[in-house]
Amino acid sequence: MSARRPPAGSEASPCSRALASPHLRWKIVGRETLVETVRSLQRAGKKVVFTNGCFDLLHVGHVRYLQEARELGDALVVGVNSDASVRRLKGPGRPLTPAKERAEILAALACVDFVTIFGSTTPLQLIRAIGPDVLVKGGDWPVDTIVGREVVEGRGGKVLAIPFVKNKSTTAVIGKIRGRATSGAEA
């Protein structure tokens, strides 16, 4: 007699089990908890790296960038723009993915230690609050234009631009999808 499988959708998938796991829950934190955590890490002599972005459709450029950012310290904190913030930056058709889901996807990456969602257009207030040791953005940002540079350098920290992965951007992915949709081609 063979075992019957439960109806589709009635059993937890590996991904839904991961969401319920404490591993992801503790990685997505509010600002106050993040500030306390960063201070604790720094008191223990750990170097904290911070980066931020919309991360609307995660792609290989993001993953490589985040892996490189993590290698610059002992903990990587990622600030994720809220939905309203993304709309202000990218326009009314964005984000494609809600902030809580973007945070969950980032938290699932081994190279990301903590994720927080912020509502302002820039992460300046968040950077001031957490005081990272290293501030990182993608290579499409000249170092002298990176928001929070003065704050981090004023504390003796470093500000770096990691080389941009050529032809890998959310805008390019969206353009490719839209091009296929209008031409009738399947993905």
N, C-alpha and C. Protein backbone atom coordinates (compact mmCIF):
# COMPACT_ATOMS: atom_id res chain seq x y z
N MET A 1 0.84 -1.16 0.00
CA MET A 1 0.00 0.00 0.00
C MET A 1 0.89 1.24 0.00
N SER A 2 0.66 2.12 -0.93
CA SER A 2 1.50 3.31 -1.03
C SER A 2 0.94 4.43 -0.17
N ALA A 3 1.87 5.26 0.32
CA ALA A 3 1.47 6.40 1.15
C ALA A 3 0.85 7.47 0.26
N ARG A 4 -0.22 8.06 0.75
CA ARG A 4 -0.86 9.15 -0.01
C ARG A 4 -0.20 10.46 0.35
N ARG A 5 0.01 11.27 -0.67
CA ARG A 5 0.54 12.61 -0.43
C ARG A 5 -0.61 13.51 0.00
N PRO A 6 -0.34 14.44 0.91
CA PRO A 6 -1.39 15.41 1.28
C PRO A 6 -1.74 16.27 0.06
N PRO A 7 -2.95 16.83 0.03
CA PRO A 7 -3.34 17.69 -1.09
C PRO A 7 -2.34 18.83 -1.26
N ALA A 8 -2.15 19.25 -2.50
CA ALA A 8 -1.22 20.34 -2.78
C ALA A 8 -1.57 21.55 -1.94
N GLY A 9 -0.54 22.14 -1.37
CA GLY A 9 -0.72 23.34 -0.56
C GLY A 9 -1.04 23.07 0.90
N SER A 10 -1.28 21.81 1.27
CA SER A 10 -1.65 21.53 2.65
C SER A 10 -0.45 21.23 3.53
N GLU A 11 0.69 20.96 2.93
CA GLU A 11 1.88 20.72 3.72
C GLU A 11 2.84 21.90 3.56
N ALA A 12 3.61 22.15 4.58
CA ALA A 12 4.55 23.26 4.53
C ALA A 12 5.69 22.95 3.56
N SER A 13 5.96 23.88 2.69
CA SER A 13 7.09 23.72 1.78
C SER A 13 8.37 24.04 2.54
N PRO A 14 9.54 23.64 2.03
CA PRO A 14 10.78 24.01 2.69
C PRO A 14 10.91 25.51 2.87
N CYS A 15 10.40 26.28 1.91
CA CYS A 15 10.49 27.74 2.02
C CYS A 15 9.58 28.27 3.11
N SER A 16 8.38 27.74 3.23
CA SER A 16 7.49 28.23 4.29
C SER A 16 8.00 27.79 5.66
N ARG A 17 8.63 26.62 5.73
CA ARG A 17 9.23 26.20 7.01
C ARG A 17 10.37 27.14 7.37
N ALA A 18 11.13 27.58 6.37
CA ALA A 18 12.24 28.50 6.63
C ALA A 18 11.71 29.82 7.19
N LEU A 19 10.57 30.29 6.68
CA LEU A 19 10.00 31.54 7.16
C LEU A 19 9.66 31.40 8.64
N ALA A 20 9.16 30.25 9.03
CA ALA A 20 8.77 30.05 10.42
C ALA A 20 9.98 29.83 11.32
N SER A 21 11.14 29.58 10.75
CA SER A 21 12.31 29.29 11.56
C SER A 21 12.84 30.54 12.24
N PRO A 22 13.38 30.39 13.43
CA PRO A 22 13.96 31.53 14.13
C PRO A 22 15.12 32.14 13.35
N HIS A 23 15.75 31.36 12.48
CA HIS A 23 16.90 31.84 11.71
C HIS A 23 16.55 33.10 10.92
N LEU A 24 15.42 33.12 10.24
CA LEU A 24 15.05 34.30 9.47
C LEU A 24 14.42 35.37 10.33
N ARG A 25 13.63 34.98 11.31
CA ARG A 25 12.95 35.98 12.15
C ARG A 25 13.95 36.89 12.84
N TRP A 26 15.03 36.36 13.34
CA TRP A 26 15.96 37.22 14.08
C TRP A 26 16.82 38.06 13.15
N LYS A 27 16.86 37.75 11.88
CA LYS A 27 17.65 38.53 10.94
C LYS A 27 16.93 39.80 10.48
N ILE A 28 15.60 39.81 10.50
CA ILE A 28 14.83 40.98 10.10
C ILE A 28 14.44 41.73 11.36
N VAL A 29 15.02 42.91 11.53
CA VAL A 29 14.87 43.62 12.80
C VAL A 29 14.45 45.07 12.58
N GLY A 30 13.84 45.63 13.61
CA GLY A 30 13.49 47.05 13.61
C GLY A 30 14.71 47.88 13.96
N ARG A 31 14.57 49.17 13.82
CA ARG A 31 15.68 50.09 14.02
C ARG A 31 16.27 50.02 15.43
N GLU A 32 15.43 50.02 16.45
CA GLU A 32 15.94 50.00 17.83
C GLU A 32 16.74 48.74 18.11
N THR A 33 16.22 47.60 17.71
CA THR A 33 16.92 46.35 17.91
C THR A 33 18.22 46.34 17.12
N LEU A 34 18.18 46.86 15.91
CA LEU A 34 19.38 46.91 15.08
C LEU A 34 20.47 47.76 15.74
N VAL A 35 20.10 48.93 16.26
CA VAL A 35 21.08 49.80 16.91
C VAL A 35 21.73 49.07 18.08
N GLU A 36 20.93 48.41 18.92
CA GLU A 36 21.47 47.65 20.06
C GLU A 36 22.39 46.53 19.59
N THR A 37 21.99 45.83 18.55
CA THR A 37 22.77 44.71 18.04
C THR A 37 24.10 45.18 17.48
N VAL A 38 24.08 46.25 16.69
CA VAL A 38 25.32 46.78 16.11
C VAL A 38 26.26 47.24 17.22
N ARG A 39 25.74 47.93 18.22
CA ARG A 39 26.59 48.38 19.35
C ARG A 39 27.23 47.18 20.05
N SER A 40 26.46 46.14 20.25
CA SER A 40 26.97 44.93 20.90
C SER A 40 28.09 44.29 20.08
N LEU A 41 27.87 44.20 18.77
CA LEU A 41 28.89 43.63 17.88
C LEU A 41 30.16 44.47 17.92
N GLN A 42 30.00 45.78 17.86
CA GLN A 42 31.16 46.67 17.87
C GLN A 42 31.91 46.60 19.20
N ARG A 43 31.18 46.50 20.30
CA ARG A 43 31.85 46.36 21.61
C ARG A 43 32.66 45.07 21.67
N ALA A 44 32.22 44.06 20.93
CA ALA A 44 32.93 42.78 20.88
C ALA A 44 34.07 42.81 19.86
N GLY A 45 34.33 43.98 19.27
CA GLY A 45 35.43 44.11 18.32
C GLY A 45 35.09 43.70 16.90
N LYS A 46 33.82 43.54 16.61
CA LYS A 46 33.39 43.13 15.26
C LYS A 46 33.21 44.34 14.36
N LYS A 47 33.54 44.18 13.09
CA LYS A 47 33.39 45.24 12.09
C LYS A 47 32.04 45.05 11.39
N VAL A 48 31.21 46.10 11.45
CA VAL A 48 29.87 46.05 10.86
C VAL A 48 29.85 46.81 9.54
N VAL A 49 29.36 46.13 8.51
CA VAL A 49 29.24 46.69 7.16
C VAL A 49 27.76 46.99 6.92
N PHE A 50 27.50 48.15 6.31
CA PHE A 50 26.12 48.53 5.98
C PHE A 50 26.01 48.84 4.50
N THR A 51 24.91 48.41 3.91
CA THR A 51 24.53 48.82 2.57
C THR A 51 23.02 48.94 2.54
N ASN A 52 22.54 49.53 1.48
CA ASN A 52 21.09 49.70 1.36
C ASN A 52 20.69 49.69 -0.10
N GLY A 53 19.39 49.55 -0.31
CA GLY A 53 18.86 49.60 -1.66
C GLY A 53 17.41 49.17 -1.70
N CYS A 54 16.85 49.20 -2.90
CA CYS A 54 15.47 48.78 -3.11
C CYS A 54 15.36 47.26 -3.18
N PHE A 55 16.29 46.62 -3.86
CA PHE A 55 16.32 45.16 -4.01
C PHE A 55 14.95 44.64 -4.47
N ASP A 56 14.39 45.29 -5.48
CA ASP A 56 13.03 44.98 -5.93
C ASP A 56 12.93 43.60 -6.58
N LEU A 57 13.84 43.28 -7.45
CA LEU A 57 13.94 41.93 -8.03
C LEU A 57 15.37 41.48 -7.82
N LEU A 58 15.58 40.58 -6.92
CA LEU A 58 16.94 40.14 -6.61
C LEU A 58 17.53 39.42 -7.82
N HIS A 59 18.73 39.82 -8.20
CA HIS A 59 19.41 39.21 -9.35
C HIS A 59 20.88 38.95 -8.99
N VAL A 60 21.61 38.33 -9.90
CA VAL A 60 22.98 37.92 -9.63
C VAL A 60 23.88 39.11 -9.29
N GLY A 61 23.61 40.27 -9.86
CA GLY A 61 24.39 41.45 -9.51
C GLY A 61 24.25 41.80 -8.03
N HIS A 62 23.03 41.72 -7.52
CA HIS A 62 22.80 41.95 -6.09
C HIS A 62 23.55 40.92 -5.24
N VAL A 63 23.42 39.66 -5.61
CA VAL A 63 24.02 38.59 -4.81
C VAL A 63 25.54 38.75 -4.75
N ARG A 64 26.17 38.99 -5.88
CA ARG A 64 27.63 39.16 -5.90
C ARG A 64 28.05 40.38 -5.08
N TYR A 65 27.31 41.45 -5.22
CA TYR A 65 27.57 42.69 -4.49
C TYR A 65 27.46 42.46 -2.98
N LEU A 66 26.39 41.79 -2.56
CA LEU A 66 26.20 41.52 -1.13
C LEU A 66 27.27 40.57 -0.58
N GLN A 67 27.67 39.59 -1.37
CA GLN A 67 28.74 38.68 -0.93
C GLN A 67 30.05 39.44 -0.76
N GLU A 68 30.36 40.33 -1.70
CA GLU A 68 31.58 41.13 -1.58
C GLU A 68 31.50 42.07 -0.39
N ALA A 69 30.35 42.67 -0.17
CA ALA A 69 30.17 43.58 0.96
C ALA A 69 30.39 42.83 2.27
N ARG A 70 29.87 41.63 2.38
CA ARG A 70 30.01 40.84 3.61
C ARG A 70 31.47 40.52 3.91
N GLU A 71 32.27 40.33 2.87
CA GLU A 71 33.68 40.01 3.05
C GLU A 71 34.48 41.18 3.63
N LEU A 72 33.89 42.37 3.67
CA LEU A 72 34.59 43.55 4.18
C LEU A 72 34.49 43.69 5.70
N GLY A 73 33.75 42.79 6.34
CA GLY A 73 33.60 42.89 7.79
C GLY A 73 33.11 41.60 8.40
N ASP A 74 32.63 41.72 9.64
CA ASP A 74 32.17 40.55 10.39
C ASP A 74 30.66 40.37 10.34
N ALA A 75 29.93 41.43 10.00
CA ALA A 75 28.47 41.36 9.90
C ALA A 75 28.00 42.33 8.84
N LEU A 76 27.04 41.89 8.03
CA LEU A 76 26.47 42.73 6.99
C LEU A 76 25.03 43.08 7.34
N VAL A 77 24.77 44.39 7.41
CA VAL A 77 23.44 44.92 7.65
C VAL A 77 22.93 45.50 6.33
N VAL A 78 21.73 45.12 5.93
CA VAL A 78 21.14 45.63 4.70
C VAL A 78 19.89 46.44 5.04
N GLY A 79 19.88 47.70 4.64
CA GLY A 79 18.71 48.54 4.77
C GLY A 79 17.90 48.45 3.49
N VAL A 80 16.62 48.15 3.62
CA VAL A 80 15.73 47.99 2.47
C VAL A 80 14.74 49.15 2.44
N ASN A 81 14.67 49.83 1.30
CA ASN A 81 13.71 50.92 1.16
C ASN A 81 12.28 50.39 1.29
N SER A 82 11.45 51.11 2.04
CA SER A 82 10.04 50.76 2.17
C SER A 82 9.35 50.90 0.81
N ASP A 83 8.13 50.40 0.72
CA ASP A 83 7.38 50.50 -0.53
C ASP A 83 7.18 51.96 -0.94
N ALA A 84 6.81 52.81 0.01
CA ALA A 84 6.59 54.24 -0.30
C ALA A 84 7.89 54.89 -0.76
N SER A 85 8.99 54.53 -0.13
CA SER A 85 10.30 55.08 -0.51
C SER A 85 10.67 54.65 -1.92
N VAL A 86 10.44 53.41 -2.27
CA VAL A 86 10.74 52.91 -3.62
C VAL A 86 9.89 53.66 -4.65
N ARG A 87 8.60 53.88 -4.34
CA ARG A 87 7.74 54.62 -5.27
C ARG A 87 8.28 56.04 -5.50
N ARG A 88 8.76 56.68 -4.43
CA ARG A 88 9.32 58.03 -4.58
C ARG A 88 10.58 58.01 -5.45
N LEU A 89 11.38 56.97 -5.31
CA LEU A 89 12.63 56.88 -6.06
C LEU A 89 12.46 56.37 -7.48
N LYS A 90 11.60 55.37 -7.67
CA LYS A 90 11.53 54.66 -8.95
C LYS A 90 10.26 54.93 -9.76
N GLY A 91 9.25 55.51 -9.13
CA GLY A 91 8.02 55.81 -9.85
C GLY A 91 6.86 54.95 -9.41
N PRO A 92 5.66 55.26 -9.92
CA PRO A 92 4.43 54.61 -9.45
C PRO A 92 4.32 53.12 -9.75
N GLY A 93 5.06 52.59 -10.71
CA GLY A 93 4.98 51.16 -11.03
C GLY A 93 5.84 50.28 -10.14
N ARG A 94 6.51 50.86 -9.19
CA ARG A 94 7.43 50.13 -8.33
C ARG A 94 7.05 50.36 -6.87
N PRO A 95 7.36 49.47 -5.98
CA PRO A 95 8.11 48.23 -6.20
C PRO A 95 7.22 47.14 -6.78
N LEU A 96 7.86 46.15 -7.35
CA LEU A 96 7.15 44.98 -7.84
C LEU A 96 6.93 43.99 -6.71
N THR A 97 7.82 44.00 -5.74
CA THR A 97 7.79 43.07 -4.61
C THR A 97 7.65 43.90 -3.33
N PRO A 98 6.69 43.55 -2.45
CA PRO A 98 6.51 44.31 -1.20
C PRO A 98 7.75 44.25 -0.30
N ALA A 99 7.94 45.28 0.49
CA ALA A 99 9.13 45.42 1.34
C ALA A 99 9.34 44.22 2.26
N LYS A 100 8.29 43.72 2.88
CA LYS A 100 8.47 42.58 3.79
C LYS A 100 8.98 41.35 3.06
N GLU A 101 8.55 41.16 1.83
CA GLU A 101 9.03 40.02 1.04
C GLU A 101 10.47 40.26 0.59
N ARG A 102 10.80 41.49 0.20
CA ARG A 102 12.19 41.80 -0.18
C ARG A 102 13.11 41.56 1.01
N ALA A 103 12.68 41.96 2.20
CA ALA A 103 13.48 41.75 3.41
C ALA A 103 13.66 40.25 3.68
N GLU A 104 12.61 39.49 3.51
CA GLU A 104 12.68 38.04 3.75
C GLU A 104 13.64 37.36 2.76
N ILE A 105 13.57 37.77 1.50
CA ILE A 105 14.46 37.19 0.49
C ILE A 105 15.92 37.50 0.84
N LEU A 106 16.20 38.74 1.21
CA LEU A 106 17.57 39.12 1.58
C LEU A 106 18.02 38.37 2.83
N ALA A 107 17.14 38.22 3.80
CA ALA A 107 17.49 37.53 5.04
C ALA A 107 17.82 36.06 4.78
N ALA A 108 17.30 35.50 3.72
CA ALA A 108 17.57 34.09 3.39
C ALA A 108 18.98 33.89 2.84
N LEU A 109 19.65 34.98 2.46
CA LEU A 109 21.02 34.86 1.95
C LEU A 109 22.00 34.68 3.10
N ALA A 110 22.90 33.74 2.96
CA ALA A 110 23.88 33.46 4.02
C ALA A 110 24.79 34.65 4.28
N CYS A 111 25.06 35.47 3.29
CA CYS A 111 25.98 36.60 3.45
C CYS A 111 25.34 37.77 4.19
N VAL A 112 24.04 37.77 4.36
CA VAL A 112 23.33 38.86 5.03
C VAL A 112 23.06 38.48 6.47
N ASP A 113 23.51 39.33 7.40
CA ASP A 113 23.32 39.04 8.82
C ASP A 113 22.06 39.68 9.39
N PHE A 114 21.75 40.92 8.97
CA PHE A 114 20.58 41.62 9.46
C PHE A 114 19.96 42.45 8.35
N VAL A 115 18.63 42.55 8.38
CA VAL A 115 17.90 43.35 7.41
C VAL A 115 16.93 44.24 8.19
N THR A 116 16.83 45.49 7.75
CA THR A 116 15.85 46.40 8.32
C THR A 116 15.21 47.20 7.19
N ILE A 117 13.96 47.56 7.37
CA ILE A 117 13.24 48.35 6.38
C ILE A 117 13.21 49.79 6.87
N PHE A 118 13.54 50.74 5.98
CA PHE A 118 13.49 52.15 6.37
C PHE A 118 12.58 52.91 5.40
N GLY A 119 11.92 53.94 5.91
CA GLY A 119 10.90 54.64 5.15
C GLY A 119 11.34 55.91 4.45
N SER A 120 12.49 56.45 4.81
CA SER A 120 12.92 57.69 4.18
C SER A 120 13.51 57.40 2.80
N THR A 121 13.67 58.44 2.01
CA THR A 121 14.20 58.28 0.66
C THR A 121 15.67 57.88 0.69
N THR A 122 16.41 58.39 1.69
CA THR A 122 17.82 58.01 1.85
C THR A 122 17.99 57.33 3.20
N PRO A 123 19.08 56.58 3.37
CA PRO A 123 19.32 55.89 4.64
C PRO A 123 20.11 56.74 5.65
N LEU A 124 20.22 58.03 5.44
CA LEU A 124 21.08 58.86 6.28
C LEU A 124 20.75 58.74 7.76
N GLN A 125 19.49 58.85 8.13
CA GLN A 125 19.12 58.74 9.55
C GLN A 125 19.47 57.38 10.11
N LEU A 126 19.26 56.34 9.33
CA LEU A 126 19.59 54.98 9.77
C LEU A 126 21.09 54.83 9.95
N ILE A 127 21.87 55.36 9.03
CA ILE A 127 23.34 55.30 9.12
C ILE A 127 23.81 56.04 10.37
N ARG A 128 23.25 57.21 10.62
CA ARG A 128 23.60 57.96 11.84
C ARG A 128 23.28 57.14 13.09
N ALA A 129 22.14 56.47 13.09
CA ALA A 129 21.71 55.71 14.26
C ALA A 129 22.59 54.49 14.52
N ILE A 130 22.93 53.74 13.47
CA ILE A 130 23.67 52.50 13.71
C ILE A 130 25.18 52.68 13.71
N GLY A 131 25.70 53.70 13.03
CA GLY A 131 27.14 53.94 13.02
C GLY A 131 27.97 52.78 12.52
N PRO A 132 27.75 52.35 11.26
CA PRO A 132 28.54 51.22 10.74
C PRO A 132 30.02 51.57 10.60
N ASP A 133 30.85 50.54 10.59
CA ASP A 133 32.29 50.72 10.40
C ASP A 133 32.64 50.86 8.93
N VAL A 134 31.83 50.24 8.08
CA VAL A 134 32.05 50.28 6.63
C VAL A 134 30.70 50.54 5.97
N LEU A 135 30.69 51.47 5.04
CA LEU A 135 29.51 51.80 4.25
C LEU A 135 29.81 51.45 2.81
N VAL A 136 28.94 50.67 2.18
CA VAL A 136 29.18 50.16 0.84
C VAL A 136 27.99 50.44 -0.07
N LYS A 137 28.28 50.81 -1.31
CA LYS A 137 27.27 50.91 -2.35
C LYS A 137 27.85 50.28 -3.61
N GLY A 138 26.99 50.10 -4.61
CA GLY A 138 27.45 49.56 -5.88
C GLY A 138 28.29 50.57 -6.63
N GLY A 139 29.08 50.09 -7.56
CA GLY A 139 30.01 50.91 -8.32
C GLY A 139 29.36 51.98 -9.17
N ASP A 140 28.03 51.94 -9.31
CA ASP A 140 27.35 53.00 -10.04
C ASP A 140 27.24 54.27 -9.18
N TRP A 141 27.68 54.18 -7.93
CA TRP A 141 27.71 55.34 -7.02
C TRP A 141 29.16 55.77 -6.81
N PRO A 142 29.54 56.96 -7.30
CA PRO A 142 30.88 57.47 -6.94
C PRO A 142 30.95 57.66 -5.42
N VAL A 143 32.08 57.31 -4.83
CA VAL A 143 32.22 57.35 -3.36
C VAL A 143 31.82 58.70 -2.79
N ASP A 144 32.18 59.78 -3.46
CA ASP A 144 31.88 61.10 -2.90
C ASP A 144 30.39 61.46 -2.93
N THR A 145 29.55 60.64 -3.58
CA THR A 145 28.11 60.89 -3.60
C THR A 145 27.32 59.90 -2.73
N ILE A 146 28.00 58.98 -2.08
CA ILE A 146 27.31 57.98 -1.26
C ILE A 146 26.74 58.65 -0.01
N VAL A 147 25.44 58.52 0.15
CA VAL A 147 24.75 59.10 1.31
C VAL A 147 25.28 58.46 2.59
N GLY A 148 25.67 59.31 3.54
CA GLY A 148 26.19 58.83 4.82
C GLY A 148 27.71 58.79 4.87
N ARG A 149 28.36 59.12 3.76
CA ARG A 149 29.83 59.06 3.71
C ARG A 149 30.46 59.89 4.82
N GLU A 150 29.99 61.12 4.99
CA GLU A 150 30.57 62.01 6.00
C GLU A 150 30.41 61.43 7.40
N VAL A 151 29.28 60.82 7.67
CA VAL A 151 29.01 60.24 8.98
C VAL A 151 29.99 59.11 9.28
N VAL A 152 30.13 58.20 8.34
CA VAL A 152 30.98 57.02 8.54
C VAL A 152 32.45 57.43 8.59
N GLU A 153 32.89 58.24 7.65
CA GLU A 153 34.29 58.68 7.66
C GLU A 153 34.59 59.52 8.89
N GLY A 154 33.61 60.31 9.36
CA GLY A 154 33.78 61.11 10.56
C GLY A 154 34.00 60.27 11.81
N ARG A 155 33.55 59.03 11.78
CA ARG A 155 33.75 58.09 12.89
C ARG A 155 35.00 57.24 12.68
N GLY A 156 35.73 57.51 11.60
CA GLY A 156 36.93 56.73 11.31
C GLY A 156 36.66 55.50 10.47
N GLY A 157 35.46 55.39 9.93
CA GLY A 157 35.11 54.23 9.12
C GLY A 157 35.48 54.41 7.66
N LYS A 158 35.19 53.38 6.87
CA LYS A 158 35.51 53.37 5.45
C LYS A 158 34.23 53.42 4.62
N VAL A 159 34.33 54.06 3.46
CA VAL A 159 33.23 54.10 2.51
C VAL A 159 33.77 53.59 1.17
N LEU A 160 33.09 52.59 0.62
CA LEU A 160 33.58 51.95 -0.60
C LEU A 160 32.46 51.76 -1.62
N ALA A 161 32.86 51.76 -2.88
CA ALA A 161 31.95 51.41 -3.97
C ALA A 161 32.44 50.10 -4.56
N ILE A 162 31.60 49.09 -4.52
CA ILE A 162 31.95 47.78 -5.08
C ILE A 162 31.62 47.82 -6.57
N PRO A 163 32.54 47.33 -7.42
CA PRO A 163 32.30 47.38 -8.86
C PRO A 163 30.93 46.81 -9.25
N PHE A 164 30.29 47.55 -10.13
CA PHE A 164 28.97 47.21 -10.64
C PHE A 164 29.08 45.99 -11.55
N VAL A 165 28.16 45.06 -11.44
CA VAL A 165 28.13 43.90 -12.33
C VAL A 165 27.47 44.35 -13.63
N LYS A 166 28.25 44.38 -14.71
CA LYS A 166 27.79 44.90 -15.99
C LYS A 166 26.53 44.19 -16.49
N ASN A 167 25.60 44.98 -16.97
CA ASN A 167 24.34 44.50 -17.56
C ASN A 167 23.45 43.73 -16.59
N LYS A 168 23.64 43.95 -15.30
CA LYS A 168 22.81 43.27 -14.30
C LYS A 168 22.17 44.34 -13.42
N SER A 169 20.90 44.63 -13.67
CA SER A 169 20.17 45.59 -12.86
C SER A 169 18.70 45.22 -12.90
N THR A 170 17.98 45.66 -11.89
CA THR A 170 16.54 45.41 -11.85
C THR A 170 15.86 46.06 -13.05
N THR A 171 16.28 47.27 -13.38
CA THR A 171 15.70 47.98 -14.53
C THR A 171 15.90 47.17 -15.81
N ALA A 172 17.09 46.57 -15.97
CA ALA A 172 17.35 45.75 -17.16
C ALA A 172 16.48 44.50 -17.18
N VAL A 173 16.30 43.88 -16.01
CA VAL A 173 15.45 42.67 -15.93
C VAL A 173 14.01 43.03 -16.29
N ILE A 174 13.52 44.14 -15.73
CA ILE A 174 12.15 44.56 -16.03
C ILE A 174 12.00 44.86 -17.52
N GLY A 175 12.98 45.55 -18.09
CA GLY A 175 12.94 45.85 -19.53
C GLY A 175 12.91 44.59 -20.37
N LYS A 176 13.70 43.60 -19.97
CA LYS A 176 13.74 42.33 -20.72
C LYS A 176 12.39 41.61 -20.64
N ILE A 177 11.80 41.61 -19.45
CA ILE A 177 10.49 40.97 -19.28
C ILE A 177 9.43 41.69 -20.11
N ARG A 178 9.44 43.01 -20.04
CA ARG A 178 8.45 43.79 -20.81
C ARG A 178 8.65 43.58 -22.31
N GLY A 179 9.89 43.49 -22.74
CA GLY A 179 10.17 43.25 -24.16
C GLY A 179 9.62 41.91 -24.61
N ARG A 180 9.78 40.91 -23.79
CA ARG A 180 9.25 39.58 -24.12
C ARG A 180 7.75 39.59 -24.11
N ALA A 181 7.16 40.31 -23.17
CA ALA A 181 5.70 40.35 -23.06
C ALA A 181 5.09 41.02 -24.29
N THR A 182 5.72 42.09 -24.77
CA THR A 182 5.17 42.80 -25.92
C THR A 182 5.43 42.06 -27.23
N SER A 183 6.51 41.24 -27.25
CA SER A 183 6.81 40.51 -28.49
C SER A 183 6.10 39.17 -28.55
N GLY A 184 5.49 38.78 -27.42
CA GLY A 184 4.80 37.50 -27.37
C GLY A 184 5.71 36.33 -27.08
N ALA A 185 7.00 36.59 -26.83
CA ALA A 185 7.95 35.51 -26.52
C ALA A 185 7.71 35.02 -25.09
N GLU A 186 7.93 33.73 -24.87
CA GLU A 186 7.81 33.18 -23.52
C GLU A 186 9.13 33.26 -22.81
N ALA A 187 9.07 33.34 -21.50
CA ALA A 187 10.27 33.45 -20.66
C ALA A 187 11.05 32.17 -20.65
